[in-house]
Amino acid sequence: MILIPLSFGEMYTSLLNVKQAIIVERQLIDHLETYIEHESERLEDIKRFYAKVSELHSEVYNGPSAAMANPLVAFTLIKRLQSEWINLIYSDEAQENTQAFRSGYEEVEEEGSLPKLEDLQGAANGLMRLQDVYALQVGGLVRGHFQRITNGNPIDIYSPTIYVLLSGDDCFLVGKVAYELEDYYHSVQWLEESVRLFRRAGGEWSPENEGTLEDALDHLAFSHFKTGNISYALSLSQELLNHDPMNRRVLKNVEKYERLLVDNPPSLSADTGLKRPNTTYLRTRNTYERLCRTQGTPPMRYENPRLFCDYFNNDSPGLLLQPIRRELLCLQPYVVLYHSFITDSEAERIRDLAQTGLRRSVVASGEEQATAEYRISKSAWLKDTAHPIIGRLDQRITLLTSLNVQPPYAEYLQVVNYGIGGHYEPHFDHATSASSPLFRLNTGNRVATFMIYLSSVDAGGSTAFIHANFSVPVVENAALFWWNLHRNGQGDGDTLHAGCPVLVGDKWVANKWIHEHGQEFQRRCSPNPEE
């Protein structure tokens, strides 16, 4: 694949950004190496940092590509470039004779190749999203494991090629992101790990760190207070006073907590358990997450004789000699998987074509379109004039579906790339409001979706059909097809679906949305609401 320089931003980090960040950090390592060679004194911490990042580049980033698709690898890399390098450069230890060192960093910064604060926040949110959807244990993530508790035992749901350990400062940053969002469910869990790791290090501070044991204790105490665990908030605040006995704010908090405990003594039956924050898809959350966790368990096809696999030619001359493998996954809604729809070289070409045009994906918001937290990805639109391969794909879709996929009867090919924890919560592809911008084409609603998998993933990323109660794993080079509307033109509520978060990997898909107009003789109307 061609690596085209991409800017960060928009709270999104893709595998392409990770590869670019690795190149950028290697440049910084070279500058740091030169600086160390000329400065031999008072550089213990800088030399330690240099040894740490050099080892990562020799053992992790030069390893298999799957290692770079690990969200923990991506998060720690983004954090170093956005936070640790800056803290190190402007630390007391690096104050003298550092102009050349700083100039090297500022040169890279001016090129716009460094991640921004919003990228780091987005990466942290991505980790928390993976934690929730796949029921991952924070303690396991800290050790580089992707585990959830099953029957009281931790079970690995994915075994990475390389284990990346998180530091107390890494956990502090994730907890702080949650804290600033007033999401104390997550801040408590991540700050607990931060405090544990800082304590184990004896409270020793490194110049590249953003936080300290005192910072972690401070944030954790208030997080517990906000969740109703006042006793623990008091205990943590008292521990903090051991490190900073003259902190007036903490002294006032201790007085406040003691008074609250006197006025309202905690009972043994008091519920101090953490509660997850509400989401936009709260009503379907349990089903959505269960389907994502199965990572692509299809319906019980063997119990339904009407579901089948075959070689399909659609009575089309173009497919008679080379029919395509068809797998009927569901009858209501009608969902079909076409295996080997696209070749490896075609998929790679489409990904390359889309790279320069990738922008944060948007959703319909009234009459306009806007970015949303429930859809984290980047997308680009490709016209058939972009490359002959686009036209060939359109012809192939028509051969299989008999539908007219030429604009304006269908939209241009949309190519989507998902980054760290990239997902799309439960939604409909068809418009559910008469004011939707989808109707600006004046060709009706989206009658059908044809989605092509342009890559594989190591874990996660399934397509979950919520009301139909099944999910489809990412099948490289295959294509998924379903009808969005009934024959009477009404939306099919059973097509509510979601793109599960990518746990490990680099997910690319291409969407072809086909509209009602132009299909009158291919899919005839019917007054029957069941058709």
Protein backbone atom coordinates (compact mmCIF):
# COMPACT_ATOMS: atom_id res chain seq x y z
CA MET A 1 0.00 0.00 0.00
CA ILE A 2 1.19 3.52 -0.79
CA LEU A 3 1.76 5.59 2.36
CA ILE A 4 0.50 9.10 1.71
CA PRO A 5 1.17 11.67 4.46
CA LEU A 6 -2.02 12.18 6.44
CA SER A 7 -2.85 14.86 8.96
CA PHE A 8 -4.09 13.94 12.37
CA GLY A 9 -7.04 15.67 13.96
CA GLU A 10 -10.79 15.10 14.37
CA MET A 11 -10.28 12.68 17.30
CA TYR A 12 -9.41 9.90 14.92
CA THR A 13 -6.32 7.73 14.55
CA SER A 14 -6.07 5.15 11.78
CA LEU A 15 -3.41 2.54 11.07
CA LEU A 16 -2.14 4.89 8.34
CA ASN A 17 -1.67 7.58 10.99
CA VAL A 18 0.14 5.07 13.22
CA LYS A 19 2.58 4.17 10.44
CA GLN A 20 3.19 7.84 9.78
CA ALA A 21 3.69 8.51 13.50
CA ILE A 22 6.32 5.77 13.68
CA ILE A 23 8.29 7.48 10.91
CA VAL A 24 7.98 10.83 12.68
CA GLU A 25 9.16 9.43 16.00
CA ARG A 26 12.18 7.87 14.33
CA GLN A 27 13.17 11.36 13.21
CA LEU A 28 12.85 12.59 16.79
CA ILE A 29 14.93 9.66 18.05
CA ASP A 30 17.70 10.67 15.63
CA HIS A 31 17.64 14.24 16.99
CA LEU A 32 17.70 12.92 20.56
CA GLU A 33 20.60 10.59 19.79
CA THR A 34 22.64 13.49 18.42
CA TYR A 35 21.85 15.56 21.50
CA ILE A 36 22.90 12.76 23.88
CA GLU A 37 26.20 12.32 22.05
CA HIS A 38 27.11 15.96 22.73
CA GLU A 39 25.74 16.16 26.26
CA SER A 40 27.11 13.52 28.61
CA GLU A 41 26.15 14.98 31.99
CA ARG A 42 22.82 15.23 33.84
CA LEU A 43 21.01 13.17 31.24
CA GLU A 44 20.00 10.05 33.14
CA ASP A 45 16.25 10.45 32.52
CA ILE A 46 16.73 11.50 28.91
CA LYS A 47 18.98 8.51 28.24
CA ARG A 48 16.40 6.24 29.86
CA PHE A 49 13.65 7.67 27.65
CA TYR A 50 15.88 7.29 24.60
CA ALA A 51 16.53 3.64 25.46
CA LYS A 52 12.81 3.01 25.97
CA VAL A 53 11.64 4.40 22.64
CA SER A 54 14.58 2.91 20.74
CA GLU A 55 13.70 -0.53 22.08
CA LEU A 56 10.08 -0.09 21.02
CA HIS A 57 11.13 0.78 17.48
CA SER A 58 13.48 -2.18 17.21
CA GLU A 59 11.19 -4.78 18.80
CA VAL A 60 7.60 -3.63 18.26
CA TYR A 61 7.37 -1.33 15.27
CA ASN A 62 9.69 -3.46 13.14
CA GLY A 63 7.59 -6.52 13.97
CA PRO A 64 4.52 -7.93 12.22
CA SER A 65 1.92 -5.47 10.98
CA ALA A 66 -0.61 -6.95 13.40
CA ALA A 67 1.39 -5.41 16.25
CA MET A 68 0.77 -1.89 14.92
CA ALA A 69 -2.97 -2.61 14.64
CA ASN A 70 -3.07 -3.24 18.39
CA PRO A 71 -4.99 -0.31 19.97
CA LEU A 72 -2.63 -0.28 22.97
CA VAL A 73 0.35 0.15 20.65
CA ALA A 74 -1.41 2.98 18.83
CA PHE A 75 -2.53 4.72 22.01
CA THR A 76 0.89 4.70 23.68
CA LEU A 77 2.54 5.95 20.47
CA ILE A 78 0.06 8.83 20.11
CA LYS A 79 0.50 9.69 23.79
CA ARG A 80 4.29 9.86 23.51
CA LEU A 81 4.20 12.13 20.47
CA GLN A 82 1.52 14.40 21.87
CA SER A 83 2.60 14.51 25.50
CA GLU A 84 5.81 12.75 26.55
CA TRP A 85 8.20 14.25 24.00
CA ILE A 86 7.03 17.78 24.84
CA ASN A 87 7.32 17.18 28.58
CA LEU A 88 10.83 15.79 28.12
CA ILE A 89 12.05 18.60 25.89
CA TYR A 90 10.93 21.29 28.33
CA SER A 91 11.95 19.41 31.49
CA ASP A 92 14.49 20.83 33.94
CA GLU A 93 17.00 18.17 32.93
CA ALA A 94 16.90 19.34 29.32
CA GLN A 95 17.01 23.08 30.00
CA GLU A 96 20.63 23.66 29.09
CA ASN A 97 22.10 23.47 25.59
CA THR A 98 18.92 22.05 24.08
CA GLN A 99 18.29 24.48 21.26
CA ALA A 100 19.25 21.96 18.58
CA PHE A 101 17.12 19.30 20.24
CA ARG A 102 14.09 21.58 20.47
CA SER A 103 14.58 22.87 16.95
CA GLY A 104 14.37 19.31 15.66
CA TYR A 105 11.06 18.78 17.45
CA GLU A 106 9.64 22.13 16.37
CA GLU A 107 10.59 21.36 12.78
CA VAL A 108 8.52 18.18 12.87
CA GLU A 109 5.71 20.02 14.66
CA GLU A 110 5.54 22.71 11.95
CA GLU A 111 5.08 20.02 9.29
CA GLY A 112 1.74 19.12 10.92
CA SER A 113 2.81 15.50 11.32
CA LEU A 114 2.29 15.31 15.08
CA PRO A 115 -0.96 14.21 16.69
CA LYS A 116 -3.06 16.86 18.38
CA LEU A 117 -4.63 16.82 21.83
CA GLU A 118 -7.96 15.81 20.32
CA ASP A 119 -6.28 12.78 18.73
CA LEU A 120 -5.00 11.68 22.12
CA GLN A 121 -8.43 12.22 23.67
CA GLY A 122 -10.02 10.31 20.81
CA ALA A 123 -7.59 7.41 21.29
CA ALA A 124 -8.41 7.33 25.01
CA ASN A 125 -12.13 7.33 24.26
CA GLY A 126 -11.52 4.53 21.78
CA LEU A 127 -9.94 2.39 24.51
CA MET A 128 -12.89 3.02 26.81
CA ARG A 129 -15.30 2.13 24.02
CA LEU A 130 -13.51 -1.18 23.47
CA GLN A 131 -13.55 -1.75 27.22
CA ASP A 132 -17.34 -1.38 27.30
CA VAL A 133 -18.44 -3.16 24.16
CA TYR A 134 -16.17 -6.18 24.63
CA ALA A 135 -16.39 -6.18 28.47
CA LEU A 136 -12.60 -5.90 28.74
CA GLN A 137 -10.94 -5.79 32.15
CA VAL A 138 -8.90 -2.62 32.69
CA GLY A 139 -6.42 -4.58 34.77
CA GLY A 140 -5.88 -6.91 31.83
CA LEU A 141 -5.42 -4.06 29.36
CA VAL A 142 -2.76 -2.56 31.60
CA ARG A 143 -0.80 -5.81 31.22
CA GLY A 144 -1.40 -5.90 27.45
CA HIS A 145 -4.11 -8.58 27.65
CA PHE A 146 -7.55 -8.41 26.02
CA GLN A 147 -9.58 -10.29 28.63
CA ARG A 148 -13.09 -10.46 29.97
CA ILE A 149 -14.47 -12.34 32.95
CA THR A 150 -16.40 -15.51 32.09
CA ASN A 151 -17.74 -17.67 34.93
CA GLY A 152 -15.45 -15.85 37.32
CA ASN A 153 -12.29 -16.45 35.30
CA PRO A 154 -10.38 -14.08 32.98
CA ILE A 155 -10.57 -15.35 29.40
CA ASP A 156 -8.38 -14.03 26.57
CA ILE A 157 -10.57 -12.96 23.67
CA TYR A 158 -7.54 -11.99 21.61
CA SER A 159 -3.86 -12.86 22.00
CA PRO A 160 -1.61 -10.12 20.57
CA THR A 161 1.68 -10.92 18.90
CA ILE A 162 3.41 -8.43 21.21
CA TYR A 163 2.25 -7.40 24.68
CA VAL A 164 2.37 -3.68 25.42
CA LEU A 165 2.29 -2.65 29.08
CA LEU A 166 0.61 0.58 30.14
CA SER A 167 2.26 2.89 32.67
CA GLY A 168 0.70 4.74 35.57
CA ASP A 169 0.85 7.88 33.45
CA ASP A 170 -0.89 6.14 30.52
CA CYS A 171 -3.74 5.12 32.82
CA PHE A 172 -3.84 8.59 34.37
CA LEU A 173 -4.37 10.16 30.97
CA VAL A 174 -7.26 7.84 30.07
CA GLY A 175 -8.82 8.41 33.49
CA LYS A 176 -8.37 12.16 33.17
CA VAL A 177 -10.13 12.20 29.77
CA ALA A 178 -13.10 10.41 31.37
CA TYR A 179 -12.91 12.68 34.43
CA GLU A 180 -13.12 15.84 32.31
CA LEU A 181 -16.21 14.40 30.61
CA GLU A 182 -17.71 13.79 34.08
CA ASP A 183 -17.67 10.10 33.22
CA TYR A 184 -16.75 8.79 36.64
CA TYR A 185 -17.62 5.19 35.74
CA HIS A 186 -14.52 5.04 33.59
CA SER A 187 -12.36 7.52 35.50
CA VAL A 188 -12.55 5.41 38.66
CA GLN A 189 -11.40 2.24 36.91
CA TRP A 190 -8.50 3.81 35.03
CA LEU A 191 -7.36 6.04 37.90
CA GLU A 192 -7.40 3.05 40.27
CA GLU A 193 -4.85 1.39 37.98
CA SER A 194 -2.89 4.62 37.71
CA VAL A 195 -2.63 4.95 41.49
CA ARG A 196 -1.66 1.28 41.83
CA LEU A 197 1.14 1.62 39.28
CA PHE A 198 2.41 4.93 40.68
CA ARG A 199 2.44 3.41 44.18
CA ARG A 200 4.36 0.39 42.92
CA ALA A 201 6.96 2.77 41.43
CA GLY A 202 7.32 4.36 44.86
CA GLY A 203 5.83 7.60 43.62
CA GLU A 204 8.92 8.16 41.48
CA TRP A 205 8.27 10.73 38.78
CA SER A 206 9.70 10.83 35.26
CA PRO A 207 10.07 14.10 33.34
CA GLU A 208 8.06 12.81 30.37
CA ASN A 209 5.04 12.08 32.58
CA GLU A 210 1.93 14.22 32.47
CA GLY A 211 0.73 13.19 35.93
CA THR A 212 2.02 12.14 39.32
CA LEU A 213 0.78 9.92 42.14
CA GLU A 214 -0.63 13.04 43.78
CA ASP A 215 -2.54 13.98 40.61
CA ALA A 216 -3.96 10.48 40.30
CA LEU A 217 -5.01 10.39 43.98
CA ASP A 218 -6.65 13.81 43.62
CA HIS A 219 -8.70 12.86 40.56
CA LEU A 220 -9.57 9.42 41.93
CA ALA A 221 -10.78 10.78 45.27
CA PHE A 222 -13.18 13.21 43.62
CA SER A 223 -14.36 10.51 41.17
CA HIS A 224 -15.27 8.26 44.09
CA PHE A 225 -17.03 11.15 45.78
CA LYS A 226 -19.13 11.72 42.66
CA THR A 227 -20.09 8.03 42.55
CA GLY A 228 -21.20 8.13 46.20
CA ASN A 229 -18.24 6.29 47.74
CA ILE A 230 -17.43 9.00 50.27
CA SER A 231 -15.51 6.73 52.65
CA TYR A 232 -12.98 5.83 49.97
CA ALA A 233 -12.83 9.44 48.76
CA LEU A 234 -11.88 10.42 52.32
CA SER A 235 -9.22 7.71 52.58
CA LEU A 236 -7.62 8.74 49.29
CA SER A 237 -7.68 12.42 50.25
CA GLN A 238 -5.95 11.64 53.53
CA GLU A 239 -3.28 9.71 51.62
CA LEU A 240 -2.86 12.71 49.34
CA LEU A 241 -2.30 14.95 52.36
CA ASN A 242 0.63 12.75 53.35
CA HIS A 243 2.31 13.92 50.12
CA ASP A 244 0.99 17.49 50.17
CA PRO A 245 -0.02 18.38 53.75
CA MET A 246 -0.56 22.09 53.05
CA ASN A 247 -3.00 21.64 50.18
CA ARG A 248 -5.92 23.82 51.28
CA ARG A 249 -8.38 22.47 48.75
CA VAL A 250 -7.76 18.87 49.81
CA LEU A 251 -7.97 19.86 53.50
CA LYS A 252 -11.39 21.37 52.83
CA ASN A 253 -12.44 18.23 50.98
CA VAL A 254 -11.41 16.08 53.95
CA GLU A 255 -13.52 18.24 56.27
CA LYS A 256 -16.43 18.00 53.84
CA TYR A 257 -16.20 14.23 53.51
CA GLU A 258 -15.94 13.75 57.29
CA ARG A 259 -19.00 15.92 57.82
CA LEU A 260 -20.99 14.04 55.20
CA LEU A 261 -20.11 10.70 56.78
CA VAL A 262 -21.25 11.96 60.20
CA ASP A 263 -24.52 13.33 58.84
CA ASN A 264 -25.17 10.29 56.62
CA PRO A 265 -23.30 7.20 57.88
CA PRO A 266 -22.82 4.65 55.09
CA SER A 267 -24.98 1.56 55.41
CA LEU A 268 -23.92 -1.95 54.51
CA SER A 269 -26.72 -2.08 51.95
CA ALA A 270 -25.71 1.17 50.24
CA ASP A 271 -25.17 0.76 46.53
CA THR A 272 -21.75 2.18 45.68
CA GLY A 273 -21.38 0.16 42.48
CA LEU A 274 -20.29 1.97 39.35
CA LYS A 275 -22.98 2.65 36.77
CA ARG A 276 -22.23 3.11 33.10
CA PRO A 277 -23.23 6.44 31.57
CA ASN A 278 -26.23 6.57 29.27
CA THR A 279 -25.75 6.48 25.50
CA THR A 280 -27.72 7.41 22.41
CA TYR A 281 -28.50 3.74 21.80
CA LEU A 282 -29.37 2.78 25.41
CA ARG A 283 -32.47 0.76 24.45
CA THR A 284 -30.50 -1.54 22.16
CA ARG A 285 -27.16 -1.47 24.00
CA ASN A 286 -27.30 -4.93 25.53
CA THR A 287 -28.24 -6.62 22.25
CA TYR A 288 -25.70 -4.61 20.30
CA GLU A 289 -22.85 -5.46 22.64
CA ARG A 290 -23.82 -9.13 22.87
CA LEU A 291 -23.78 -9.42 19.08
CA CYS A 292 -20.43 -7.63 18.90
CA ARG A 293 -18.93 -9.96 21.49
CA THR A 294 -19.86 -13.04 19.49
CA GLN A 295 -17.59 -11.54 16.79
CA GLY A 296 -19.70 -12.80 13.92
CA THR A 297 -21.90 -15.67 14.94
CA PRO A 298 -24.40 -16.15 12.10
CA PRO A 299 -28.00 -17.27 12.69
CA MET A 300 -28.72 -20.95 13.24
CA ARG A 301 -28.75 -21.62 9.50
CA TYR A 302 -28.83 -25.38 9.96
CA GLU A 303 -32.11 -25.09 11.83
CA ASN A 304 -33.71 -23.15 8.98
CA PRO A 305 -33.76 -25.10 5.70
CA ARG A 306 -34.62 -21.92 3.80
CA LEU A 307 -31.13 -20.54 4.43
CA PHE A 308 -28.51 -21.89 2.06
CA CYS A 309 -25.23 -21.45 0.20
CA ASP A 310 -24.89 -21.81 -3.57
CA TYR A 311 -23.12 -20.59 -6.70
CA PHE A 312 -25.19 -17.74 -8.09
CA ASN A 313 -25.29 -16.27 -11.62
CA ASN A 314 -28.58 -14.30 -11.47
CA ASP A 315 -29.30 -15.62 -15.00
CA SER A 316 -26.80 -13.05 -16.20
CA PRO A 317 -24.57 -13.90 -19.20
CA GLY A 318 -21.71 -12.12 -17.46
CA LEU A 319 -21.82 -14.60 -14.57
CA LEU A 320 -22.64 -17.85 -16.37
CA LEU A 321 -19.03 -18.97 -16.65
CA GLN A 322 -17.95 -17.54 -13.32
CA PRO A 323 -20.82 -17.61 -10.82
CA ILE A 324 -20.25 -16.11 -7.40
CA ARG A 325 -20.55 -17.90 -4.07
CA ARG A 326 -23.72 -16.70 -2.37
CA GLU A 327 -24.59 -17.24 1.28
CA LEU A 328 -28.13 -16.35 2.38
CA LEU A 329 -27.74 -15.18 5.97
CA CYS A 330 -31.23 -13.99 6.84
CA LEU A 331 -34.69 -13.88 5.31
CA GLN A 332 -36.11 -11.00 7.38
CA PRO A 333 -34.44 -8.74 6.66
CA TYR A 334 -33.11 -10.26 3.46
CA VAL A 335 -29.32 -10.29 3.89
CA VAL A 336 -26.90 -12.00 1.49
CA LEU A 337 -23.12 -12.41 1.65
CA TYR A 338 -21.30 -12.68 -1.69
CA HIS A 339 -17.90 -14.30 -1.17
CA SER A 340 -14.82 -13.26 -3.19
CA PHE A 341 -16.69 -10.34 -4.75
CA ILE A 342 -13.48 -8.35 -5.16
CA THR A 343 -9.82 -9.31 -5.60
CA ASP A 344 -6.92 -8.38 -3.32
CA SER A 345 -5.43 -6.05 -5.94
CA GLU A 346 -8.78 -4.32 -6.54
CA ALA A 347 -9.31 -3.79 -2.82
CA GLU A 348 -5.81 -2.36 -2.42
CA ARG A 349 -6.32 -0.02 -5.37
CA ILE A 350 -9.57 1.32 -3.90
CA ARG A 351 -7.94 1.90 -0.51
CA ASP A 352 -5.09 3.78 -2.19
CA LEU A 353 -7.49 5.91 -4.23
CA ALA A 354 -9.42 6.89 -1.12
CA GLN A 355 -6.46 7.84 1.08
CA THR A 356 -6.05 11.46 0.02
CA GLY A 357 -9.77 12.19 0.33
CA LEU A 358 -10.40 10.67 3.76
CA ARG A 359 -12.37 12.98 6.05
CA ARG A 360 -14.21 12.42 9.33
CA SER A 361 -17.46 10.61 8.54
CA VAL A 362 -20.74 12.47 9.05
CA VAL A 363 -24.34 11.53 9.76
CA ALA A 364 -27.66 13.16 8.90
CA SER A 365 -28.57 15.82 11.46
CA GLY A 366 -31.92 17.33 10.53
CA GLU A 367 -31.50 18.83 7.08
CA GLU A 368 -27.72 18.96 7.39
CA GLN A 369 -24.85 16.56 8.02
CA ALA A 370 -22.50 16.60 11.00
CA THR A 371 -19.92 14.49 12.81
CA ALA A 372 -21.13 12.44 15.77
CA GLU A 373 -19.60 10.43 18.60
CA TYR A 374 -21.69 7.41 17.64
CA ARG A 375 -19.88 7.22 14.30
CA ILE A 376 -16.07 7.24 14.50
CA SER A 377 -14.46 6.68 11.10
CA LYS A 378 -13.13 8.51 8.07
CA SER A 379 -14.57 8.26 4.60
CA ALA A 380 -14.03 9.37 1.02
CA TRP A 381 -16.26 9.34 -2.06
CA LEU A 382 -15.00 7.92 -5.35
CA LYS A 383 -16.60 8.70 -8.70
CA ASP A 384 -16.39 6.21 -11.55
CA THR A 385 -14.02 8.65 -13.25
CA ALA A 386 -11.46 8.15 -10.44
CA HIS A 387 -10.29 4.85 -11.93
CA PRO A 388 -11.72 2.23 -14.34
CA ILE A 389 -11.96 -0.21 -11.44
CA ILE A 390 -14.87 1.79 -9.97
CA GLY A 391 -16.90 1.34 -13.12
CA ARG A 392 -16.12 -2.38 -13.16
CA LEU A 393 -17.38 -2.73 -9.60
CA ASP A 394 -20.61 -0.95 -10.53
CA GLN A 395 -21.11 -3.39 -13.42
CA ARG A 396 -20.47 -6.33 -11.11
CA ILE A 397 -23.03 -5.06 -8.59
CA THR A 398 -25.60 -4.70 -11.37
CA LEU A 399 -24.92 -8.24 -12.61
CA LEU A 400 -25.63 -9.61 -9.12
CA THR A 401 -28.59 -7.42 -8.13
CA SER A 402 -30.09 -6.33 -11.51
CA LEU A 403 -30.24 -2.82 -10.01
CA ASN A 404 -29.30 0.45 -11.70
CA VAL A 405 -26.29 1.73 -9.75
CA GLN A 406 -25.41 4.69 -11.97
CA PRO A 407 -25.77 8.19 -10.44
CA PRO A 408 -28.20 9.70 -9.67
CA TYR A 409 -29.98 6.37 -9.08
CA ALA A 410 -27.20 5.38 -6.69
CA GLU A 411 -24.62 7.34 -4.73
CA TYR A 412 -20.93 7.40 -5.51
CA LEU A 413 -18.83 4.69 -3.89
CA GLN A 414 -18.12 5.61 -0.28
CA VAL A 415 -14.87 4.18 1.14
CA VAL A 416 -14.67 4.05 4.95
CA ASN A 417 -11.69 3.43 7.25
CA TYR A 418 -12.08 2.77 10.97
CA GLY A 419 -9.42 3.84 13.47
CA ILE A 420 -8.80 3.06 17.15
CA GLY A 421 -12.10 1.74 18.45
CA GLY A 422 -13.73 2.86 15.19
CA HIS A 423 -17.45 2.05 15.13
CA TYR A 424 -20.94 3.06 14.01
CA GLU A 425 -23.63 2.56 16.62
CA PRO A 426 -27.09 1.15 15.67
CA HIS A 427 -28.57 3.09 12.76
CA PHE A 428 -30.58 2.78 9.55
CA ASP A 429 -29.04 3.35 6.13
CA HIS A 430 -32.34 4.66 4.77
CA ALA A 431 -33.70 8.07 5.70
CA THR A 432 -36.25 8.08 8.51
CA SER A 433 -37.17 11.76 8.14
CA ALA A 434 -38.62 13.63 5.18
CA SER A 435 -36.09 16.42 5.80
CA SER A 436 -33.09 14.09 5.42
CA PRO A 437 -30.33 15.34 3.08
CA LEU A 438 -30.56 11.95 1.32
CA PHE A 439 -33.56 13.25 -0.61
CA ARG A 440 -31.55 16.04 -2.25
CA LEU A 441 -30.75 13.64 -5.11
CA ASN A 442 -34.47 13.61 -5.93
CA THR A 443 -34.26 9.87 -6.53
CA GLY A 444 -36.13 8.65 -3.46
CA ASN A 445 -34.83 6.82 -0.43
CA ARG A 446 -32.03 4.26 -0.16
CA VAL A 447 -33.72 1.05 -1.23
CA ALA A 448 -30.66 -1.19 -0.80
CA THR A 449 -27.12 -1.33 0.60
CA PHE A 450 -24.17 -3.10 -1.01
CA MET A 451 -21.20 -3.12 1.38
CA ILE A 452 -17.79 -4.48 0.30
CA TYR A 453 -15.15 -5.59 2.82
CA LEU A 454 -11.82 -4.22 1.56
CA SER A 455 -9.67 -5.70 4.33
CA SER A 456 -9.60 -8.23 7.12
CA VAL A 457 -9.31 -7.53 10.85
CA ASP A 458 -7.80 -9.55 13.68
CA ALA A 459 -10.70 -9.04 16.08
CA GLY A 460 -13.96 -7.11 16.25
CA GLY A 461 -15.55 -5.03 13.53
CA SER A 462 -18.58 -7.26 12.90
CA THR A 463 -21.78 -5.92 11.35
CA ALA A 464 -24.57 -6.49 13.87
CA PHE A 465 -28.25 -6.56 12.87
CA ILE A 466 -29.93 -5.63 16.12
CA HIS A 467 -33.58 -6.62 15.70
CA ALA A 468 -32.75 -9.60 13.49
CA ASN A 469 -30.42 -10.81 16.27
CA PHE A 470 -27.35 -11.86 14.29
CA SER A 471 -23.96 -10.48 13.33
CA VAL A 472 -21.68 -10.92 10.34
CA PRO A 473 -17.90 -11.02 10.76
CA VAL A 474 -15.55 -9.10 8.50
CA VAL A 475 -14.94 -11.40 5.53
CA GLU A 476 -12.12 -10.02 3.42
CA ASN A 477 -13.09 -9.31 -0.23
CA ALA A 478 -16.71 -10.37 0.37
CA ALA A 479 -19.76 -8.13 -0.03
CA LEU A 480 -22.91 -7.84 2.06
CA PHE A 481 -26.25 -6.93 0.45
CA TRP A 482 -29.62 -6.13 2.00
CA TRP A 483 -32.87 -4.35 1.21
CA ASN A 484 -33.54 -1.26 3.34
CA LEU A 485 -37.15 -0.71 2.25
CA HIS A 486 -40.23 -2.83 1.95
CA ARG A 487 -41.79 -3.00 -1.52
CA ASN A 488 -44.36 -0.42 -0.43
CA GLY A 489 -41.56 2.10 0.12
CA GLN A 490 -41.65 2.01 3.92
CA GLY A 491 -38.42 1.52 5.86
CA ASP A 492 -37.70 -1.97 7.14
CA GLY A 493 -37.18 -1.62 10.89
CA ASP A 494 -35.41 -4.97 11.01
CA THR A 495 -32.44 -3.47 9.11
CA LEU A 496 -31.30 -1.57 12.19
CA HIS A 497 -27.61 -2.42 12.20
CA ALA A 498 -24.27 -1.34 13.62
CA GLY A 499 -20.57 -1.48 12.83
CA CYS A 500 -19.01 -3.00 15.95
CA PRO A 501 -15.79 -1.36 17.20
CA VAL A 502 -12.61 -2.69 15.64
CA LEU A 503 -10.79 -4.40 18.49
CA VAL A 504 -7.55 -5.13 16.63
CA GLY A 505 -6.95 -4.44 12.96
CA ASP A 506 -7.53 -1.99 10.14
CA LYS A 507 -11.08 -2.15 8.79
CA TRP A 508 -11.89 -0.80 5.33
CA VAL A 509 -15.28 -1.06 3.66
CA ALA A 510 -16.88 0.41 0.55
CA ASN A 511 -20.58 1.28 0.50
CA LYS A 512 -22.80 1.54 -2.55
CA TRP A 513 -26.20 2.96 -1.65
CA ILE A 514 -28.86 2.39 -4.26
CA HIS A 515 -31.96 4.60 -4.44
CA GLU A 516 -35.61 3.85 -5.28
CA HIS A 517 -35.85 5.70 -8.56
CA GLY A 518 -34.47 3.83 -11.54
CA GLN A 519 -35.34 0.44 -10.05
CA GLU A 520 -39.05 0.40 -11.00
CA PHE A 521 -38.72 -2.56 -13.35
CA GLN A 522 -36.06 -4.37 -11.31
CA ARG A 523 -37.91 -4.29 -7.98
CA ARG A 524 -41.58 -3.71 -8.45
CA CYS A 525 -43.72 -2.02 -5.83
CA SER A 526 -46.32 -3.83 -3.75
CA PRO A 527 -49.00 -2.62 -1.35
CA ASN A 528 -48.26 -5.60 0.91
CA PRO A 529 -46.37 -4.22 3.96
CA GLU A 530 -44.84 -7.66 4.55
CA GLU A 531 -42.97 -7.71 1.23
